[in-house]
Amino acid sequence: MVRSATGLRLLSSLLLSVVLPASAGAIDEIELLFPVRCVLGSTCFIQSYVDHDGTDQVRDYQCGGRSYDAHDGTDIRIPDMAVQRQGVEVLATAAGTVTATRDEIDDISVRTIGRTAIKGKECGNGVVIDHANGWKTQYCHLARGSVRVSRNERVSPGHPIGLIGLSGDTEFPHLHLTVRHRNKIVDPFAYESEPTLCGSGHSIWTGLTSDQLKYRSREILNVGFTDHSPTMDQIESGEVTKYPVSLQSEALIAYVRVIGLREGDQQTVTVRDPDGVILSEYEAPALDRNKAQYFVASGRKRKAAEWTPGSYTAAYSVAGSDGNVLRKTFEIQLGAR
C-alpha cells in the first residue's frame, strides 16, 4: 500500500501519533468541511483512513483494514490521472491562518523517482493551516504550481488552496489530509474515539450526507470497456479510455478496479452479448492477502466480421471473506440503438 505523506518537514517537524481521545471538552470541537471539491463516493473516494492501532498492525476506526501502519491522515483519491489533469480543487476545511506552504515538487509517482528523491519532502507540495483552540490541518500531494495561498494568509471554510496532484510519496493522485488537535492526530470520522472500541467516536465533518459518511469496506473505483488487454498503469493514467470498443474492434473487454479488497475475497466478471448470452466470464482466485487496489478484466476476441450491434453488459461481483457482497453492472452500446 502507498505510504503517503508522513509530514511536511520543511514546514515543521511533525511526529506520527496514534489516535487518542481529546482531553478537552466539546467546547474545543471543530467542524470540518470536506477538503476536496468532489462528491464523496461518486467522483472521489476514501483510499485510506487513519490507523488507530499503536502497534505494527493496522486498524481503521471500524476495525477494518482500510489503512496502513502509522498512517496519520485521510487519503481522498480521485479515479485517475485524467481527472487530475482537469484540475480538482483542494479546499480549506475551516477558517484559519496559513502557517506554511510548499509548491515546487514535481508531480511524479514515487515508483518512478524512488523514496530517496523525496526524503524529507514526503508530503510533496502542501499547506498547513492553524485553526482556533489548538486545531491544525495539513494538506499534502498538491499539484506543482497550484498552491493558491501564502504564509500568514487568513482563509475561510471552503477557500481554494490548491489542486490535487502527484507530488511527494504517492503513486496515485489524491489528497492526504492530517488533522491535529493539540499535537495529537485526530480521525475526522471518529473524533474522541476509544482506542480499542470499533466504531466509537463521532464525525466532525459537516456538509456530508449520511450515505457519504457511511463506512465502506470495499469500493469500486473504475469500470469500463476497452478493445485491448488493459494494465493497472493504463487505468491509473486514464490511457485505457483511448482504446474504445467499436463494431470492428478485434476484442471486447470489460475491466473493473476496486479498492479495499481483503484476503479471501472472490471476484467474478461476466460479459453478456445483446441477446443475454454469456460472451466471457472470469472467476478470479481468492485473494491471498489484502489489496489496497486491484483490477480484473474479462473479454473475448471478435470471431465474426464485426460485433453484433446492441448493448453489451458486464456484471462484477465480490463475494467478501467477511460476508459482504459488492456488485456493479455496466454496459456499452455498439452501433445504432
Protein backbone atom coordinates (compact mmCIF):
# COMPACT_ATOMS: atom_id res chain seq x y z
CA MET A 1 0.00 0.00 0.00
CA VAL A 2 1.22 3.50 -0.75
CA ARG A 3 2.88 5.16 2.22
CA SER A 4 1.52 8.63 1.65
CA ALA A 5 2.76 11.79 3.35
CA THR A 6 4.03 11.42 6.87
CA GLY A 7 4.77 15.09 7.16
CA LEU A 8 5.73 18.38 5.58
CA ARG A 9 9.21 18.61 7.04
CA LEU A 10 10.09 22.00 5.64
CA LEU A 11 7.07 23.32 7.50
CA SER A 12 7.72 21.78 10.87
CA SER A 13 8.91 18.59 12.48
CA LEU A 14 5.72 16.57 12.75
CA LEU A 15 5.70 13.30 14.65
CA LEU A 16 3.37 10.41 13.90
CA SER A 17 0.96 9.60 16.68
CA VAL A 18 -1.72 7.04 17.47
CA VAL A 19 -5.26 8.46 17.54
CA LEU A 20 -6.18 9.33 21.10
CA PRO A 21 -9.33 10.77 22.63
CA ALA A 22 -9.11 14.51 23.15
CA SER A 23 -8.73 15.61 26.75
CA ALA A 24 -10.62 18.85 26.28
CA GLY A 25 -14.37 19.17 26.36
CA ALA A 26 -16.76 19.74 23.50
CA ILE A 27 -16.09 23.49 23.63
CA ASP A 28 -12.90 22.82 21.65
CA GLU A 29 -14.62 20.74 18.98
CA ILE A 30 -14.34 21.84 15.37
CA GLU A 31 -16.47 21.19 12.29
CA LEU A 32 -14.64 20.45 9.05
CA LEU A 33 -15.83 20.97 5.51
CA PHE A 34 -14.84 18.17 3.15
CA PRO A 35 -11.49 19.34 1.70
CA VAL A 36 -11.96 18.34 -1.96
CA ARG A 37 -14.41 19.76 -4.48
CA CYS A 38 -15.91 16.41 -5.41
CA VAL A 39 -18.77 14.10 -4.48
CA LEU A 40 -17.56 11.55 -1.95
CA GLY A 41 -18.43 8.03 -3.09
CA SER A 42 -19.03 9.14 -6.66
CA THR A 43 -16.23 11.34 -8.06
CA CYS A 44 -13.79 10.79 -5.18
CA PHE A 45 -13.21 8.05 -2.63
CA ILE A 46 -11.52 7.37 0.70
CA GLN A 47 -8.48 5.26 -0.08
CA SER A 48 -7.09 5.05 3.47
CA TYR A 49 -8.32 6.12 6.88
CA VAL A 50 -6.25 6.96 9.96
CA ASP A 51 -4.52 3.97 11.57
CA HIS A 52 -5.96 3.52 15.09
CA ASP A 53 -3.56 0.74 16.07
CA GLY A 54 -0.50 1.63 18.15
CA THR A 55 1.48 -1.44 17.12
CA ASP A 56 2.81 -2.61 13.77
CA GLN A 57 -0.68 -3.88 12.93
CA VAL A 58 -3.36 -1.89 11.07
CA ARG A 59 -6.86 -0.95 12.21
CA ASP A 60 -9.14 1.77 10.88
CA TYR A 61 -11.88 3.30 13.03
CA GLN A 62 -14.26 0.43 12.21
CA CYS A 63 -11.60 -2.18 12.99
CA GLY A 64 -11.16 -2.83 9.27
CA GLY A 65 -8.05 -2.79 7.14
CA ARG A 66 -8.63 0.42 5.16
CA SER A 67 -5.38 1.98 6.37
CA TYR A 68 -1.71 1.12 6.75
CA ASP A 69 0.75 1.13 9.62
CA ALA A 70 1.17 4.56 11.26
CA HIS A 71 -0.99 6.32 8.66
CA ASP A 72 -1.68 9.71 10.23
CA GLY A 73 -4.38 11.08 7.92
CA THR A 74 -7.23 10.53 5.50
CA ASP A 75 -6.40 9.82 1.84
CA ILE A 76 -9.02 11.16 -0.56
CA ARG A 77 -8.36 9.88 -4.06
CA ILE A 78 -9.83 10.66 -7.46
CA PRO A 79 -10.44 8.00 -10.14
CA ASP A 80 -7.35 8.54 -12.30
CA MET A 81 -4.80 10.96 -13.71
CA ALA A 82 -7.16 12.01 -16.50
CA VAL A 83 -9.43 13.53 -13.85
CA GLN A 84 -6.41 15.06 -12.10
CA ARG A 85 -5.35 16.82 -15.27
CA GLN A 86 -8.75 18.51 -15.42
CA GLY A 87 -7.99 20.12 -12.06
CA VAL A 88 -9.64 19.06 -8.77
CA GLU A 89 -9.67 21.77 -6.11
CA VAL A 90 -8.46 21.28 -2.55
CA LEU A 91 -10.32 23.44 -0.02
CA ALA A 92 -9.63 24.76 3.47
CA THR A 93 -11.69 22.70 5.90
CA ALA A 94 -12.20 25.55 8.37
CA ALA A 95 -11.27 29.18 8.99
CA GLY A 96 -7.68 29.78 10.00
CA THR A 97 -4.26 31.16 9.16
CA VAL A 98 -1.84 29.57 6.71
CA THR A 99 1.40 28.84 8.55
CA ALA A 100 3.42 27.14 5.78
CA THR A 101 3.34 26.15 2.12
CA ARG A 102 5.44 24.30 -0.44
CA ASP A 103 4.83 24.38 -4.19
CA GLU A 104 7.93 23.33 -6.16
CA ILE A 105 7.86 19.50 -6.07
CA ASP A 106 7.27 17.77 -9.41
CA ASP A 107 4.21 15.59 -9.96
CA ILE A 108 5.93 12.23 -10.40
CA SER A 109 4.96 8.87 -8.92
CA VAL A 110 7.29 7.68 -6.17
CA ARG A 111 7.52 4.40 -8.09
CA THR A 112 9.33 6.34 -10.81
CA ILE A 113 11.69 8.53 -8.78
CA GLY A 114 12.14 6.41 -5.63
CA ARG A 115 11.76 7.44 -1.99
CA THR A 116 15.33 8.70 -1.70
CA ALA A 117 14.49 11.52 -4.09
CA ILE A 118 11.68 12.84 -1.87
CA LYS A 119 13.21 12.11 1.55
CA GLY A 120 12.19 14.87 3.95
CA LYS A 121 9.55 16.01 1.47
CA GLU A 122 7.17 13.07 1.65
CA CYS A 123 4.17 15.39 1.79
CA GLY A 124 5.12 16.86 -1.57
CA ASN A 125 3.53 20.21 -2.23
CA GLY A 126 1.35 21.17 0.68
CA VAL A 127 -0.25 23.64 3.03
CA VAL A 128 -0.61 23.83 6.82
CA ILE A 129 -3.44 25.85 8.37
CA ASP A 130 -3.67 26.84 12.03
CA HIS A 131 -7.24 26.98 13.35
CA ALA A 132 -8.55 28.08 16.75
CA ASN A 133 -8.28 26.11 20.01
CA GLY A 134 -5.24 24.03 19.06
CA TRP A 135 -6.56 22.63 15.78
CA LYS A 136 -4.33 22.30 12.70
CA THR A 137 -4.86 20.76 9.29
CA GLN A 138 -2.21 19.69 6.79
CA TYR A 139 -2.82 19.11 3.06
CA CYS A 140 -0.36 17.00 1.04
CA HIS A 141 0.40 15.88 -2.54
CA LEU A 142 -0.85 19.05 -4.23
CA ALA A 143 -0.01 19.67 -7.88
CA ARG A 144 3.13 21.68 -8.58
CA GLY A 145 2.36 25.35 -9.12
CA SER A 146 -1.21 25.00 -7.90
CA VAL A 147 -0.91 26.35 -4.34
CA ARG A 148 -3.10 29.45 -4.12
CA VAL A 149 -2.41 30.67 -0.59
CA SER A 150 0.56 32.28 1.15
CA ARG A 151 2.00 32.11 4.61
CA ASN A 152 0.11 34.26 7.17
CA GLU A 153 -2.91 34.49 4.86
CA ARG A 154 -6.32 34.18 6.51
CA VAL A 155 -8.66 31.70 4.87
CA SER A 156 -12.33 30.92 5.34
CA PRO A 157 -14.01 27.49 5.15
CA GLY A 158 -14.08 26.27 1.55
CA HIS A 159 -11.33 28.64 0.39
CA PRO A 160 -9.45 27.04 -2.58
CA ILE A 161 -5.87 26.35 -1.53
CA GLY A 162 -4.59 24.22 -4.43
CA LEU A 163 -5.23 21.25 -6.73
CA ILE A 164 -4.84 17.51 -6.17
CA GLY A 165 -1.53 16.31 -7.62
CA LEU A 166 1.03 13.53 -7.57
CA SER A 167 3.85 15.14 -5.60
CA GLY A 168 5.77 13.53 -2.75
CA ASP A 169 5.38 9.97 -1.50
CA THR A 170 2.43 8.78 -3.57
CA GLU A 171 1.67 6.53 -6.54
CA PHE A 172 -1.79 7.89 -7.38
CA PRO A 173 -3.49 11.32 -7.39
CA HIS A 174 -5.02 12.12 -4.03
CA LEU A 175 -5.12 14.50 -1.10
CA HIS A 176 -3.63 13.37 2.18
CA LEU A 177 -5.31 15.35 4.98
CA THR A 178 -3.91 15.24 8.51
CA VAL A 179 -5.96 16.75 11.34
CA ARG A 180 -4.29 17.54 14.68
CA HIS A 181 -5.70 18.80 17.96
CA ARG A 182 -3.11 19.95 20.45
CA ASN A 183 -0.49 17.95 18.55
CA LYS A 184 -2.47 14.70 18.64
CA ILE A 185 -3.72 13.02 15.48
CA VAL A 186 -7.49 13.16 15.06
CA ASP A 187 -9.56 10.94 12.77
CA PRO A 188 -12.31 13.25 11.42
CA PHE A 189 -14.55 10.20 11.01
CA ALA A 190 -14.11 9.19 14.65
CA TYR A 191 -13.31 12.14 16.93
CA GLU A 192 -12.94 11.20 20.62
CA SER A 193 -12.90 7.52 19.72
CA GLU A 194 -11.96 4.91 22.28
CA PRO A 195 -8.68 3.27 21.24
CA THR A 196 -10.00 -0.29 21.49
CA LEU A 197 -13.69 0.20 20.63
CA CYS A 198 -14.72 -0.32 17.00
CA GLY A 199 -16.93 2.38 15.55
CA SER A 200 -16.64 4.68 18.54
CA GLY A 201 -16.25 8.43 18.42
CA HIS A 202 -18.18 10.69 16.07
CA SER A 203 -17.72 12.51 12.80
CA ILE A 204 -16.63 16.15 12.77
CA TRP A 205 -17.36 16.53 9.06
CA THR A 206 -20.05 18.98 8.05
CA GLY A 207 -21.91 19.09 4.75
CA LEU A 208 -21.69 15.35 4.05
CA THR A 209 -24.77 13.14 3.82
CA SER A 210 -25.18 10.05 5.99
CA ASP A 211 -24.63 7.91 2.90
CA GLN A 212 -21.36 9.69 2.12
CA LEU A 213 -20.22 9.22 5.72
CA LYS A 214 -21.04 5.52 5.61
CA TYR A 215 -18.02 3.27 6.04
CA ARG A 216 -17.39 1.04 3.04
CA SER A 217 -15.01 -1.87 3.39
CA ARG A 218 -14.59 -2.02 -0.41
CA GLU A 219 -15.32 0.43 -3.21
CA ILE A 220 -15.39 0.27 -6.99
CA LEU A 221 -13.12 2.93 -8.47
CA ASN A 222 -13.19 2.41 -12.25
CA VAL A 223 -15.26 0.39 -14.70
CA GLY A 224 -15.31 0.37 -18.47
CA PHE A 225 -14.84 -1.42 -21.76
CA THR A 226 -11.75 -1.44 -23.97
CA ASP A 227 -10.65 -3.19 -27.15
CA HIS A 228 -7.31 -4.42 -25.76
CA SER A 229 -6.00 -6.07 -22.60
CA PRO A 230 -5.69 -3.25 -20.01
CA THR A 231 -2.98 -2.73 -17.39
CA MET A 232 -3.11 -1.04 -13.99
CA ASP A 233 -0.92 1.79 -15.28
CA GLN A 234 -3.26 2.42 -18.20
CA ILE A 235 -6.27 2.55 -15.89
CA GLU A 236 -4.44 4.87 -13.47
CA SER A 237 -3.25 7.23 -16.21
CA GLY A 238 -6.61 7.24 -17.97
CA GLU A 239 -4.93 5.96 -21.15
CA VAL A 240 -7.30 2.98 -21.22
CA THR A 241 -10.04 5.29 -22.49
CA LYS A 242 -8.01 5.86 -25.68
CA TYR A 243 -8.94 2.34 -26.79
CA PRO A 244 -12.74 2.35 -27.10
CA VAL A 245 -14.70 -0.60 -28.45
CA SER A 246 -16.34 -0.33 -31.87
CA LEU A 247 -18.17 -2.82 -34.10
CA GLN A 248 -14.85 -3.52 -35.84
CA SER A 249 -12.69 -3.88 -32.70
CA GLU A 250 -10.67 -7.06 -32.52
CA ALA A 251 -11.65 -7.58 -28.88
CA LEU A 252 -14.25 -6.53 -26.33
CA ILE A 253 -13.01 -6.48 -22.73
CA ALA A 254 -14.68 -5.25 -19.54
CA TYR A 255 -12.49 -4.09 -16.65
CA VAL A 256 -13.10 -3.16 -13.01
CA ARG A 257 -10.73 -1.59 -10.46
CA VAL A 258 -11.58 -1.88 -6.77
CA ILE A 259 -10.04 -0.57 -3.55
CA GLY A 260 -10.13 -2.18 -0.11
CA LEU A 261 -10.29 -5.84 -1.14
CA ARG A 262 -9.49 -8.34 1.59
CA GLU A 263 -7.80 -11.70 1.85
CA GLY A 264 -10.16 -14.44 0.71
CA ASP A 265 -12.32 -12.18 -1.47
CA GLN A 266 -13.55 -13.87 -4.66
CA GLN A 267 -14.32 -11.76 -7.74
CA THR A 268 -16.29 -12.56 -10.87
CA VAL A 269 -16.71 -10.59 -14.11
CA THR A 270 -19.33 -11.77 -16.60
CA VAL A 271 -19.89 -10.18 -20.01
CA ARG A 272 -23.11 -10.84 -21.96
CA ASP A 273 -23.94 -10.04 -25.57
CA PRO A 274 -27.09 -8.18 -26.71
CA ASP A 275 -29.07 -11.44 -26.57
CA GLY A 276 -28.06 -12.06 -22.95
CA VAL A 277 -25.74 -14.93 -23.85
CA ILE A 278 -22.51 -15.11 -21.85
CA LEU A 279 -19.70 -13.80 -24.04
CA SER A 280 -16.96 -14.30 -21.44
CA GLU A 281 -16.61 -14.92 -17.73
CA TYR A 282 -13.67 -14.70 -15.37
CA GLU A 283 -13.69 -16.06 -11.83
CA ALA A 284 -10.60 -14.76 -10.10
CA PRO A 285 -8.83 -16.90 -7.49
CA ALA A 286 -9.50 -15.96 -3.88
CA LEU A 287 -7.07 -13.22 -2.86
CA ASP A 288 -4.09 -14.39 -0.85
CA ARG A 289 -3.83 -11.07 1.04
CA ASN A 290 -5.49 -7.68 1.42
CA LYS A 291 -5.19 -5.39 -1.60
CA ALA A 292 -5.15 -1.59 -1.49
CA GLN A 293 -6.26 -1.65 -5.12
CA TYR A 294 -6.80 -4.41 -7.63
CA PHE A 295 -8.30 -4.83 -11.08
CA VAL A 296 -9.83 -7.70 -13.01
CA ALA A 297 -10.96 -7.99 -16.63
CA SER A 298 -12.91 -10.35 -18.82
CA GLY A 299 -13.49 -10.39 -22.57
CA ARG A 300 -13.17 -12.12 -25.87
CA LYS A 301 -11.72 -11.62 -29.32
CA ARG A 302 -14.07 -10.96 -32.21
CA LYS A 303 -14.92 -14.07 -34.26
CA ALA A 304 -17.27 -12.64 -36.88
CA ALA A 305 -16.76 -9.82 -39.37
CA GLU A 306 -17.93 -7.39 -36.70
CA TRP A 307 -19.63 -7.39 -33.33
CA THR A 308 -23.41 -7.73 -33.25
CA PRO A 309 -24.93 -4.27 -32.76
CA GLY A 310 -26.64 -3.74 -29.43
CA SER A 311 -25.99 -3.41 -25.71
CA TYR A 312 -23.22 -5.48 -24.10
CA THR A 313 -23.47 -5.84 -20.32
CA ALA A 314 -20.81 -6.57 -17.72
CA ALA A 315 -21.63 -7.76 -14.22
CA TYR A 316 -18.99 -7.61 -11.48
CA SER A 317 -19.32 -9.10 -8.02
CA VAL A 318 -17.18 -9.72 -4.95
CA ALA A 319 -18.04 -12.46 -2.52
CA GLY A 320 -16.40 -10.97 0.54
CA SER A 321 -14.48 -13.05 3.03
CA ASP A 322 -16.39 -11.13 5.72
CA GLY A 323 -19.79 -11.99 4.25
CA ASN A 324 -20.29 -8.67 2.46
CA VAL A 325 -21.11 -8.67 -1.24
CA LEU A 326 -20.26 -5.89 -3.70
CA ARG A 327 -21.91 -5.74 -7.12
CA LYS A 328 -21.80 -3.47 -10.16
CA THR A 329 -23.40 -3.73 -13.59
CA PHE A 330 -22.37 -1.54 -16.53
CA GLU A 331 -22.90 -1.61 -20.28
CA ILE A 332 -21.72 -0.38 -23.66
CA GLN A 333 -23.80 0.26 -26.76
CA LEU A 334 -22.31 -0.77 -30.11
CA GLY A 335 -23.92 0.53 -33.25
CA ALA A 336 -27.16 2.48 -33.51
CA ARG A 337 -29.84 1.94 -30.91
